[in-house]
Amino acid sequence: MSYLKLSSSSSPSSSSSPPAFNVCCRDQGFLMVLKCREQNAALKECLTVHYRDPLFFEQCKQEYIKEKLEFLRTGVATKNRKQKLPTSM
């Protein structure tokens, strides 16, 4: 499940964790390992809440099954299917 789908279904208290972590990592560069521990812990807690939710788990499972069936049908991975096809001259 993509980050956008996760963030749109997240609760208000946990929705600030991913952006806070992203901002910290971007601002700190290589020092993010040391300086973004608090934001990383908040992000992990937010993700754990979602992954333990049976409804969210079922949504992820159904999305995976849908993508897997589409791959078996077409032989094209989801990320490759979303790319623009080159035009011929």
PDB file of N, CA and C in Angstrom:
ATOM      1  N   MET A   1       0.860  -1.166   0.000  1.00  0.00           N
ATOM      2  CA  MET A   1       0.000   0.000   0.000  1.00  0.00           C
ATOM      3  C   MET A   1       0.906   1.228   0.000  1.00  0.00           C
ATOM      4  N   SER A   2       0.591   2.162  -0.800  1.00  0.00           N
ATOM      5  CA  SER A   2       1.435   3.329  -0.932  1.00  0.00           C
ATOM      6  C   SER A   2       1.309   4.246   0.270  1.00  0.00           C
ATOM      7  N   TYR A   3       2.290   5.131   0.411  1.00  0.00           N
ATOM      8  CA  TYR A   3       2.295   6.082   1.513  1.00  0.00           C
ATOM      9  C   TYR A   3       1.054   6.969   1.473  1.00  0.00           C
ATOM     10  N   LEU A   4       0.644   7.396   0.278  1.00  0.00           N
ATOM     11  CA  LEU A   4      -0.519   8.275   0.174  1.00  0.00           C
ATOM     12  C   LEU A   4      -1.774   7.597   0.686  1.00  0.00           C
ATOM     13  N   LYS A   5      -1.931   6.327   0.361  1.00  0.00           N
ATOM     14  CA  LYS A   5      -3.095   5.605   0.845  1.00  0.00           C
ATOM     15  C   LYS A   5      -3.029   5.448   2.350  1.00  0.00           C
ATOM     16  N   LEU A   6      -1.842   5.190   2.867  1.00  0.00           N
ATOM     17  CA  LEU A   6      -1.680   5.037   4.302  1.00  0.00           C
ATOM     18  C   LEU A   6      -1.945   6.353   5.013  1.00  0.00           C
ATOM     19  N   SER A   7      -1.413   7.439   4.496  1.00  0.00           N
ATOM     20  CA  SER A   7      -1.581   8.714   5.177  1.00  0.00           C
ATOM     21  C   SER A   7      -3.016   9.217   5.100  1.00  0.00           C
ATOM     22  N   SER A   8      -3.733   8.881   4.048  1.00  0.00           N
ATOM     23  CA  SER A   8      -5.113   9.342   3.948  1.00  0.00           C
ATOM     24  C   SER A   8      -6.027   8.601   4.907  1.00  0.00           C
ATOM     25  N   SER A   9      -5.626   7.383   5.306  1.00  0.00           N
ATOM     26  CA  SER A   9      -6.454   6.622   6.230  1.00  0.00           C
ATOM     27  C   SER A   9      -5.953   6.711   7.659  1.00  0.00           C
ATOM     28  N   SER A  10      -4.894   7.467   7.892  1.00  0.00           N
ATOM     29  CA  SER A  10      -4.314   7.510   9.229  1.00  0.00           C
ATOM     30  C   SER A  10      -5.096   8.435  10.144  1.00  0.00           C
ATOM     31  N   SER A  11      -4.912   8.188  11.413  1.00  0.00           N
ATOM     32  CA  SER A  11      -5.586   9.016  12.403  1.00  0.00           C
ATOM     33  C   SER A  11      -4.869  10.349  12.526  1.00  0.00           C
ATOM     34  N   PRO A  12      -5.539  11.394  13.023  1.00  0.00           N
ATOM     35  CA  PRO A  12      -4.914  12.708  13.115  1.00  0.00           C
ATOM     36  C   PRO A  12      -3.662  12.718  13.976  1.00  0.00           C
ATOM     37  N   SER A  13      -3.620  11.903  15.031  1.00  0.00           N
ATOM     38  CA  SER A  13      -2.469  11.926  15.919  1.00  0.00           C
ATOM     39  C   SER A  13      -1.231  11.338  15.263  1.00  0.00           C
ATOM     40  N   SER A  14      -1.398  10.396  14.337  1.00  0.00           N
ATOM     41  CA  SER A  14      -0.237   9.769  13.714  1.00  0.00           C
ATOM     42  C   SER A  14       0.074  10.341  12.339  1.00  0.00           C
ATOM     43  N   SER A  15      -0.779  11.188  11.807  1.00  0.00           N
ATOM     44  CA  SER A  15      -0.578  11.673  10.441  1.00  0.00           C
ATOM     45  C   SER A  15       0.599  12.627  10.323  1.00  0.00           C
ATOM     46  N   SER A  16       1.070  13.214  11.418  1.00  0.00           N
ATOM     47  CA  SER A  16       2.200  14.125  11.333  1.00  0.00           C
ATOM     48  C   SER A  16       3.533  13.392  11.378  1.00  0.00           C
ATOM     49  N   SER A  17       3.550  12.109  11.732  1.00  0.00           N
ATOM     50  CA  SER A  17       4.800  11.369  11.864  1.00  0.00           C
ATOM     51  C   SER A  17       5.566  11.226  10.555  1.00  0.00           C
ATOM     52  N   PRO A  18       4.957  10.734   9.474  1.00  0.00           N
ATOM     53  CA  PRO A  18       5.746  10.594   8.247  1.00  0.00           C
ATOM     54  C   PRO A  18       6.309  11.916   7.726  1.00  0.00           C
ATOM     55  N   PRO A  19       5.523  12.994   7.641  1.00  0.00           N
ATOM     56  CA  PRO A  19       6.116  14.251   7.179  1.00  0.00           C
ATOM     57  C   PRO A  19       7.221  14.755   8.108  1.00  0.00           C
ATOM     58  N   ALA A  20       7.052  14.601   9.418  1.00  0.00           N
ATOM     59  CA  ALA A  20       8.083  15.043  10.357  1.00  0.00           C
ATOM     60  C   ALA A  20       9.368  14.250  10.138  1.00  0.00           C
ATOM     61  N   PHE A  21       9.240  12.962   9.925  1.00  0.00           N
ATOM     62  CA  PHE A  21      10.408  12.116   9.671  1.00  0.00           C
ATOM     63  C   PHE A  21      11.071  12.506   8.353  1.00  0.00           C
ATOM     64  N   ASN A  22      10.276  12.731   7.318  1.00  0.00           N
ATOM     65  CA  ASN A  22      10.822  13.119   6.010  1.00  0.00           C
ATOM     66  C   ASN A  22      11.570  14.443   6.089  1.00  0.00           C
ATOM     67  N   VAL A  23      10.988  15.405   6.773  1.00  0.00           N
ATOM     68  CA  VAL A  23      11.623  16.720   6.908  1.00  0.00           C
ATOM     69  C   VAL A  23      12.931  16.595   7.672  1.00  0.00           C
ATOM     70  N   CYS A  24      12.909  15.838   8.769  1.00  0.00           N
ATOM     71  CA  CYS A  24      14.113  15.651   9.571  1.00  0.00           C
ATOM     72  C   CYS A  24      15.218  15.009   8.738  1.00  0.00           C
ATOM     73  N   CYS A  25      14.885  13.959   8.010  1.00  0.00           N
ATOM     74  CA  CYS A  25      15.888  13.270   7.186  1.00  0.00           C
ATOM     75  C   CYS A  25      16.449  14.191   6.108  1.00  0.00           C
ATOM     76  N   ARG A  26      15.588  14.951   5.482  1.00  0.00           N
ATOM     77  CA  ARG A  26      16.031  15.870   4.432  1.00  0.00           C
ATOM     78  C   ARG A  26      16.952  16.946   5.015  1.00  0.00           C
ATOM     79  N   ASP A  27      16.598  17.467   6.181  1.00  0.00           N
ATOM     80  CA  ASP A  27      17.387  18.538   6.788  1.00  0.00           C
ATOM     81  C   ASP A  27      18.714  18.052   7.362  1.00  0.00           C
ATOM     82  N   GLN A  28      18.755  16.831   7.866  1.00  0.00           N
ATOM     83  CA  GLN A  28      19.944  16.346   8.559  1.00  0.00           C
ATOM     84  C   GLN A  28      20.938  15.626   7.655  1.00  0.00           C
ATOM     85  N   GLY A  29      20.509  15.177   6.499  1.00  0.00           N
ATOM     86  CA  GLY A  29      21.421  14.482   5.589  1.00  0.00           C
ATOM     87  C   GLY A  29      21.957  13.203   6.208  1.00  0.00           C
ATOM     88  N   PHE A  30      23.285  13.044   6.205  1.00  0.00           N
ATOM     89  CA  PHE A  30      23.892  11.821   6.733  1.00  0.00           C
ATOM     90  C   PHE A  30      23.724  11.679   8.243  1.00  0.00           C
ATOM     91  N   LEU A  31      23.491  12.762   8.933  1.00  0.00           N
ATOM     92  CA  LEU A  31      23.326  12.703  10.389  1.00  0.00           C
ATOM     93  C   LEU A  31      21.927  12.269  10.802  1.00  0.00           C
ATOM     94  N   MET A  32      21.072  11.968   9.830  1.00  0.00           N
ATOM     95  CA  MET A  32      19.696  11.588  10.154  1.00  0.00           C
ATOM     96  C   MET A  32      19.640  10.362  11.048  1.00  0.00           C
ATOM     97  N   VAL A  33      20.610   9.459  10.913  1.00  0.00           N
ATOM     98  CA  VAL A  33      20.619   8.253  11.737  1.00  0.00           C
ATOM     99  C   VAL A  33      20.678   8.623  13.213  1.00  0.00           C
ATOM    100  N   LEU A  34      21.412   9.643  13.532  1.00  0.00           N
ATOM    101  CA  LEU A  34      21.558  10.056  14.929  1.00  0.00           C
ATOM    102  C   LEU A  34      20.516  11.082  15.361  1.00  0.00           C
ATOM    103  N   LYS A  35      20.173  11.992  14.469  1.00  0.00           N
ATOM    104  CA  LYS A  35      19.343  13.127  14.868  1.00  0.00           C
ATOM    105  C   LYS A  35      17.843  12.932  14.685  1.00  0.00           C
ATOM    106  N   CYS A  36      17.424  11.898  13.982  1.00  0.00           N
ATOM    107  CA  CYS A  36      15.992  11.707  13.712  1.00  0.00           C
ATOM    108  C   CYS A  36      15.418  10.487  14.432  1.00  0.00           C
ATOM    109  N   ARG A  37      16.031  10.091  15.514  1.00  0.00           N
ATOM    110  CA  ARG A  37      15.568   8.902  16.239  1.00  0.00           C
ATOM    111  C   ARG A  37      14.155   9.071  16.782  1.00  0.00           C
ATOM    112  N   GLU A  38      13.857  10.237  17.309  1.00  0.00           N
ATOM    113  CA  GLU A  38      12.525  10.482  17.878  1.00  0.00           C
ATOM    114  C   GLU A  38      11.444  10.395  16.793  1.00  0.00           C
ATOM    115  N   GLN A  39      11.694  11.023  15.658  1.00  0.00           N
ATOM    116  CA  GLN A  39      10.731  10.982  14.555  1.00  0.00           C
ATOM    117  C   GLN A  39      10.602   9.563  13.990  1.00  0.00           C
ATOM    118  N   ASN A  40      11.724   8.842  13.948  1.00  0.00           N
ATOM    119  CA  ASN A  40      11.690   7.466  13.461  1.00  0.00           C
ATOM    120  C   ASN A  40      10.857   6.582  14.393  1.00  0.00           C
ATOM    121  N   ALA A  41      11.003   6.772  15.693  1.00  0.00           N
ATOM    122  CA  ALA A  41      10.220   5.993  16.657  1.00  0.00           C
ATOM    123  C   ALA A  41       8.729   6.291  16.503  1.00  0.00           C
ATOM    124  N   ALA A  42       8.387   7.568  16.299  1.00  0.00           N
ATOM    125  CA  ALA A  42       6.980   7.943  16.108  1.00  0.00           C
ATOM    126  C   ALA A  42       6.430   7.330  14.821  1.00  0.00           C
ATOM    127  N   LEU A  43       7.232   7.306  13.775  1.00  0.00           N
ATOM    128  CA  LEU A  43       6.814   6.705  12.507  1.00  0.00           C
ATOM    129  C   LEU A  43       6.585   5.206  12.667  1.00  0.00           C
ATOM    130  N   LYS A  44       7.497   4.530  13.351  1.00  0.00           N
ATOM    131  CA  LYS A  44       7.350   3.085  13.572  1.00  0.00           C
ATOM    132  C   LYS A  44       6.091   2.779  14.370  1.00  0.00           C
ATOM    133  N   GLU A  45       5.816   3.588  15.383  1.00  0.00           N
ATOM    134  CA  GLU A  45       4.612   3.378  16.190  1.00  0.00           C
ATOM    135  C   GLU A  45       3.354   3.572  15.346  1.00  0.00           C
ATOM    136  N   CYS A  46       3.347   4.587  14.509  1.00  0.00           N
ATOM    137  CA  CYS A  46       2.208   4.854  13.627  1.00  0.00           C
ATOM    138  C   CYS A  46       1.983   3.685  12.670  1.00  0.00           C
ATOM    139  N   LEU A  47       3.059   3.193  12.069  1.00  0.00           N
ATOM    140  CA  LEU A  47       2.942   2.070  11.139  1.00  0.00           C
ATOM    141  C   LEU A  47       2.470   0.802  11.841  1.00  0.00           C
ATOM    142  N   THR A  48       2.968   0.573  13.051  1.00  0.00           N
ATOM    143  CA  THR A  48       2.564  -0.612  13.809  1.00  0.00           C
ATOM    144  C   THR A  48       1.074  -0.594  14.094  1.00  0.00           C
ATOM    145  N   VAL A  49       0.537   0.569  14.428  1.00  0.00           N
ATOM    146  CA  VAL A  49      -0.903   0.693  14.677  1.00  0.00           C
ATOM    147  C   VAL A  49      -1.683   0.286  13.432  1.00  0.00           C
ATOM    148  N   HIS A  50      -1.247   0.755  12.280  1.00  0.00           N
ATOM    149  CA  HIS A  50      -1.941   0.427  11.029  1.00  0.00           C
ATOM    150  C   HIS A  50      -1.812  -1.051  10.685  1.00  0.00           C
ATOM    151  N   TYR A  51      -0.615  -1.597  10.833  1.00  0.00           N
ATOM    152  CA  TYR A  51      -0.402  -2.993  10.438  1.00  0.00           C
ATOM    153  C   TYR A  51      -1.121  -3.973  11.349  1.00  0.00           C
ATOM    154  N   ARG A  52      -1.451  -3.578  12.546  1.00  0.00           N
ATOM    155  CA  ARG A  52      -2.200  -4.445  13.457  1.00  0.00           C
ATOM    156  C   ARG A  52      -3.707  -4.313  13.276  1.00  0.00           C
ATOM    157  N   ASP A  53      -4.142  -3.355  12.487  1.00  0.00           N
ATOM    158  CA  ASP A  53      -5.563  -3.148  12.223  1.00  0.00           C
ATOM    159  C   ASP A  53      -6.031  -4.187  11.202  1.00  0.00           C
ATOM    160  N   PRO A  54      -6.975  -5.071  11.580  1.00  0.00           N
ATOM    161  CA  PRO A  54      -7.416  -6.127  10.658  1.00  0.00           C
ATOM    162  C   PRO A  54      -8.016  -5.587   9.358  1.00  0.00           C
ATOM    163  N   LEU A  55      -8.741  -4.482   9.425  1.00  0.00           N
ATOM    164  CA  LEU A  55      -9.338  -3.906   8.223  1.00  0.00           C
ATOM    165  C   LEU A  55      -8.255  -3.422   7.259  1.00  0.00           C
ATOM    166  N   PHE A  56      -7.254  -2.737   7.781  1.00  0.00           N
ATOM    167  CA  PHE A  56      -6.151  -2.245   6.958  1.00  0.00           C
ATOM    168  C   PHE A  56      -5.381  -3.420   6.351  1.00  0.00           C
ATOM    169  N   PHE A  57      -5.141  -4.449   7.153  1.00  0.00           N
ATOM    170  CA  PHE A  57      -4.447  -5.638   6.665  1.00  0.00           C
ATOM    171  C   PHE A  57      -5.216  -6.266   5.507  1.00  0.00           C
ATOM    172  N   GLU A  58      -6.518  -6.364   5.651  1.00  0.00           N
ATOM    173  CA  GLU A  58      -7.353  -6.959   4.604  1.00  0.00           C
ATOM    174  C   GLU A  58      -7.317  -6.109   3.328  1.00  0.00           C
ATOM    175  N   GLN A  59      -7.331  -4.779   3.479  1.00  0.00           N
ATOM    176  CA  GLN A  59      -7.243  -3.893   2.316  1.00  0.00           C
ATOM    177  C   GLN A  59      -5.918  -4.099   1.578  1.00  0.00           C
ATOM    178  N   CYS A  60      -4.830  -4.193   2.343  1.00  0.00           N
ATOM    179  CA  CYS A  60      -3.515  -4.419   1.731  1.00  0.00           C
ATOM    180  C   CYS A  60      -3.473  -5.759   1.014  1.00  0.00           C
ATOM    181  N   LYS A  61      -4.040  -6.771   1.649  1.00  0.00           N
ATOM    182  CA  LYS A  61      -4.055  -8.110   1.063  1.00  0.00           C
ATOM    183  C   LYS A  61      -4.838  -8.120  -0.246  1.00  0.00           C
ATOM    184  N   GLN A  62      -6.008  -7.473  -0.254  1.00  0.00           N
ATOM    185  CA  GLN A  62      -6.827  -7.435  -1.466  1.00  0.00           C
ATOM    186  C   GLN A  62      -6.119  -6.677  -2.587  1.00  0.00           C
ATOM    187  N   GLU A  63      -5.446  -5.581  -2.240  1.00  0.00           N
ATOM    188  CA  GLU A  63      -4.709  -4.815  -3.247  1.00  0.00           C
ATOM    189  C   GLU A  63      -3.572  -5.655  -3.822  1.00  0.00           C
ATOM    190  N   TYR A  64      -2.874  -6.387  -2.960  1.00  0.00           N
ATOM    191  CA  TYR A  64      -1.787  -7.249  -3.421  1.00  0.00           C
ATOM    192  C   TYR A  64      -2.318  -8.326  -4.365  1.00  0.00           C
ATOM    193  N   ILE A  65      -3.408  -8.968  -3.983  1.00  0.00           N
ATOM    194  CA  ILE A  65      -3.993 -10.027  -4.811  1.00  0.00           C
ATOM    195  C   ILE A  65      -4.408  -9.474  -6.171  1.00  0.00           C
ATOM    196  N   LYS A  66      -5.006  -8.288  -6.173  1.00  0.00           N
ATOM    197  CA  LYS A  66      -5.433  -7.654  -7.424  1.00  0.00           C
ATOM    198  C   LYS A  66      -4.233  -7.384  -8.334  1.00  0.00           C
ATOM    199  N   GLU A  67      -3.146  -6.834  -7.757  1.00  0.00           N
ATOM    200  CA  GLU A  67      -1.951  -6.545  -8.547  1.00  0.00           C
ATOM    201  C   GLU A  67      -1.288  -7.829  -9.037  1.00  0.00           C
ATOM    202  N   LYS A  68      -1.273  -8.856  -8.194  1.00  0.00           N
ATOM    203  CA  LYS A  68      -0.676 -10.136  -8.577  1.00  0.00           C
ATOM    204  C   LYS A  68      -1.450 -10.776  -9.733  1.00  0.00           C
ATOM    205  N   LEU A  69      -2.779 -10.758  -9.657  1.00  0.00           N
ATOM    206  CA  LEU A  69      -3.594 -11.315 -10.737  1.00  0.00           C
ATOM    207  C   LEU A  69      -3.396 -10.540 -12.041  1.00  0.00           C
ATOM    208  N   GLU A  70      -3.281  -9.227 -11.933  1.00  0.00           N
ATOM    209  CA  GLU A  70      -3.049  -8.400 -13.122  1.00  0.00           C
ATOM    210  C   GLU A  70      -1.691  -8.726 -13.738  1.00  0.00           C
ATOM    211  N   PHE A  71      -0.683  -8.954 -12.895  1.00  0.00           N
ATOM    212  CA  PHE A  71       0.639  -9.328 -13.398  1.00  0.00           C
ATOM    213  C   PHE A  71       0.583 -10.681 -14.097  1.00  0.00           C
ATOM    214  N   LEU A  72      -0.104 -11.642 -13.500  1.00  0.00           N
ATOM    215  CA  LEU A  72      -0.215 -12.966 -14.116  1.00  0.00           C
ATOM    216  C   LEU A  72      -0.963 -12.893 -15.450  1.00  0.00           C
ATOM    217  N   ARG A  73      -1.933 -11.994 -15.533  1.00  0.00           N
ATOM    218  CA  ARG A  73      -2.718 -11.846 -16.758  1.00  0.00           C
ATOM    219  C   ARG A  73      -1.914 -11.166 -17.863  1.00  0.00           C
ATOM    220  N   THR A  74      -1.172 -10.096 -17.510  1.00  0.00           N
ATOM    221  CA  THR A  74      -0.486  -9.288 -18.522  1.00  0.00           C
ATOM    222  C   THR A  74       1.009  -9.561 -18.628  1.00  0.00           C
ATOM    223  N   GLY A  75       1.635 -10.024 -17.548  1.00  0.00           N
ATOM    224  CA  GLY A  75       3.080 -10.210 -17.537  1.00  0.00           C
ATOM    225  C   GLY A  75       3.841  -8.916 -17.335  1.00  0.00           C
ATOM    226  N   VAL A  76       3.130  -7.841 -17.006  1.00  0.00           N
ATOM    227  CA  VAL A  76       3.746  -6.532 -16.801  1.00  0.00           C
ATOM    228  C   VAL A  76       3.553  -6.133 -15.344  1.00  0.00           C
ATOM    229  N   ALA A  77       4.652  -5.771 -14.670  1.00  0.00           N
ATOM    230  CA  ALA A  77       4.574  -5.353 -13.276  1.00  0.00           C
ATOM    231  C   ALA A  77       3.824  -4.032 -13.161  1.00  0.00           C
ATOM    232  N   THR A  78       3.227  -3.793 -12.002  1.00  0.00           N
ATOM    233  CA  THR A  78       2.431  -2.583 -11.781  1.00  0.00           C
ATOM    234  C   THR A  78       3.243  -1.321 -12.028  1.00  0.00           C
ATOM    235  N   LYS A  79       4.467  -1.264 -11.508  1.00  0.00           N
ATOM    236  CA  LYS A  79       5.271  -0.050 -11.677  1.00  0.00           C
ATOM    237  C   LYS A  79       5.620   0.187 -13.143  1.00  0.00           C
ATOM    238  N   ASN A  80       5.792  -0.884 -13.911  1.00  0.00           N
ATOM    239  CA  ASN A  80       6.084  -0.726 -15.341  1.00  0.00           C
ATOM    240  C   ASN A  80       4.840  -0.360 -16.133  1.00  0.00           C
ATOM    241  N   ARG A  81       3.679  -0.791 -15.676  1.00  0.00           N
ATOM    242  CA  ARG A  81       2.429  -0.495 -16.363  1.00  0.00           C
ATOM    243  C   ARG A  81       2.091   0.988 -16.249  1.00  0.00           C
ATOM    244  N   LYS A  82       2.513   1.624 -15.185  1.00  0.00           N
ATOM    245  CA  LYS A  82       2.179   3.026 -14.954  1.00  0.00           C
ATOM    246  C   LYS A  82       3.100   3.981 -15.705  1.00  0.00           C
ATOM    247  N   GLN A  83       4.203   3.468 -16.250  1.00  0.00           N
ATOM    248  CA  GLN A  83       5.118   4.315 -17.001  1.00  0.00           C
ATOM    249  C   GLN A  83       4.527   4.614 -18.371  1.00  0.00           C
ATOM    250  N   LYS A  84       4.863   5.776 -18.894  1.00  0.00           N
ATOM    251  CA  LYS A  84       4.393   6.138 -20.227  1.00  0.00           C
ATOM    252  C   LYS A  84       5.141   5.317 -21.269  1.00  0.00           C
ATOM    253  N   LEU A  85       4.415   4.883 -22.261  1.00  0.00           N
ATOM    254  CA  LEU A  85       5.029   4.142 -23.349  1.00  0.00           C
ATOM    255  C   LEU A  85       5.727   5.112 -24.291  1.00  0.00           C
ATOM    256  N   PRO A  86       6.890   4.713 -24.812  1.00  0.00           N
ATOM    257  CA  PRO A  86       7.574   5.602 -25.759  1.00  0.00           C
ATOM    258  C   PRO A  86       6.782   5.695 -27.057  1.00  0.00           C
ATOM    259  N   THR A  87       6.805   6.859 -27.645  1.00  0.00           N
ATOM    260  CA  THR A  87       6.092   7.051 -28.908  1.00  0.00           C
ATOM    261  C   THR A  87       7.050   6.804 -30.061  1.00  0.00           C
ATOM    262  N   SER A  88       6.526   6.270 -31.135  1.00  0.00           N
ATOM    263  CA  SER A  88       7.373   6.018 -32.308  1.00  0.00           C
ATOM    264  C   SER A  88       7.400   7.264 -33.182  1.00  0.00           C
ATOM    265  N   MET A  89       8.457   7.403 -33.934  1.00  0.00           N
ATOM    266  CA  MET A  89       8.610   8.587 -34.776  1.00  0.00           C
ATOM    267  C   MET A  89       8.066   8.348 -36.132  1.00  0.00           C
TER     268      MET A  89
END
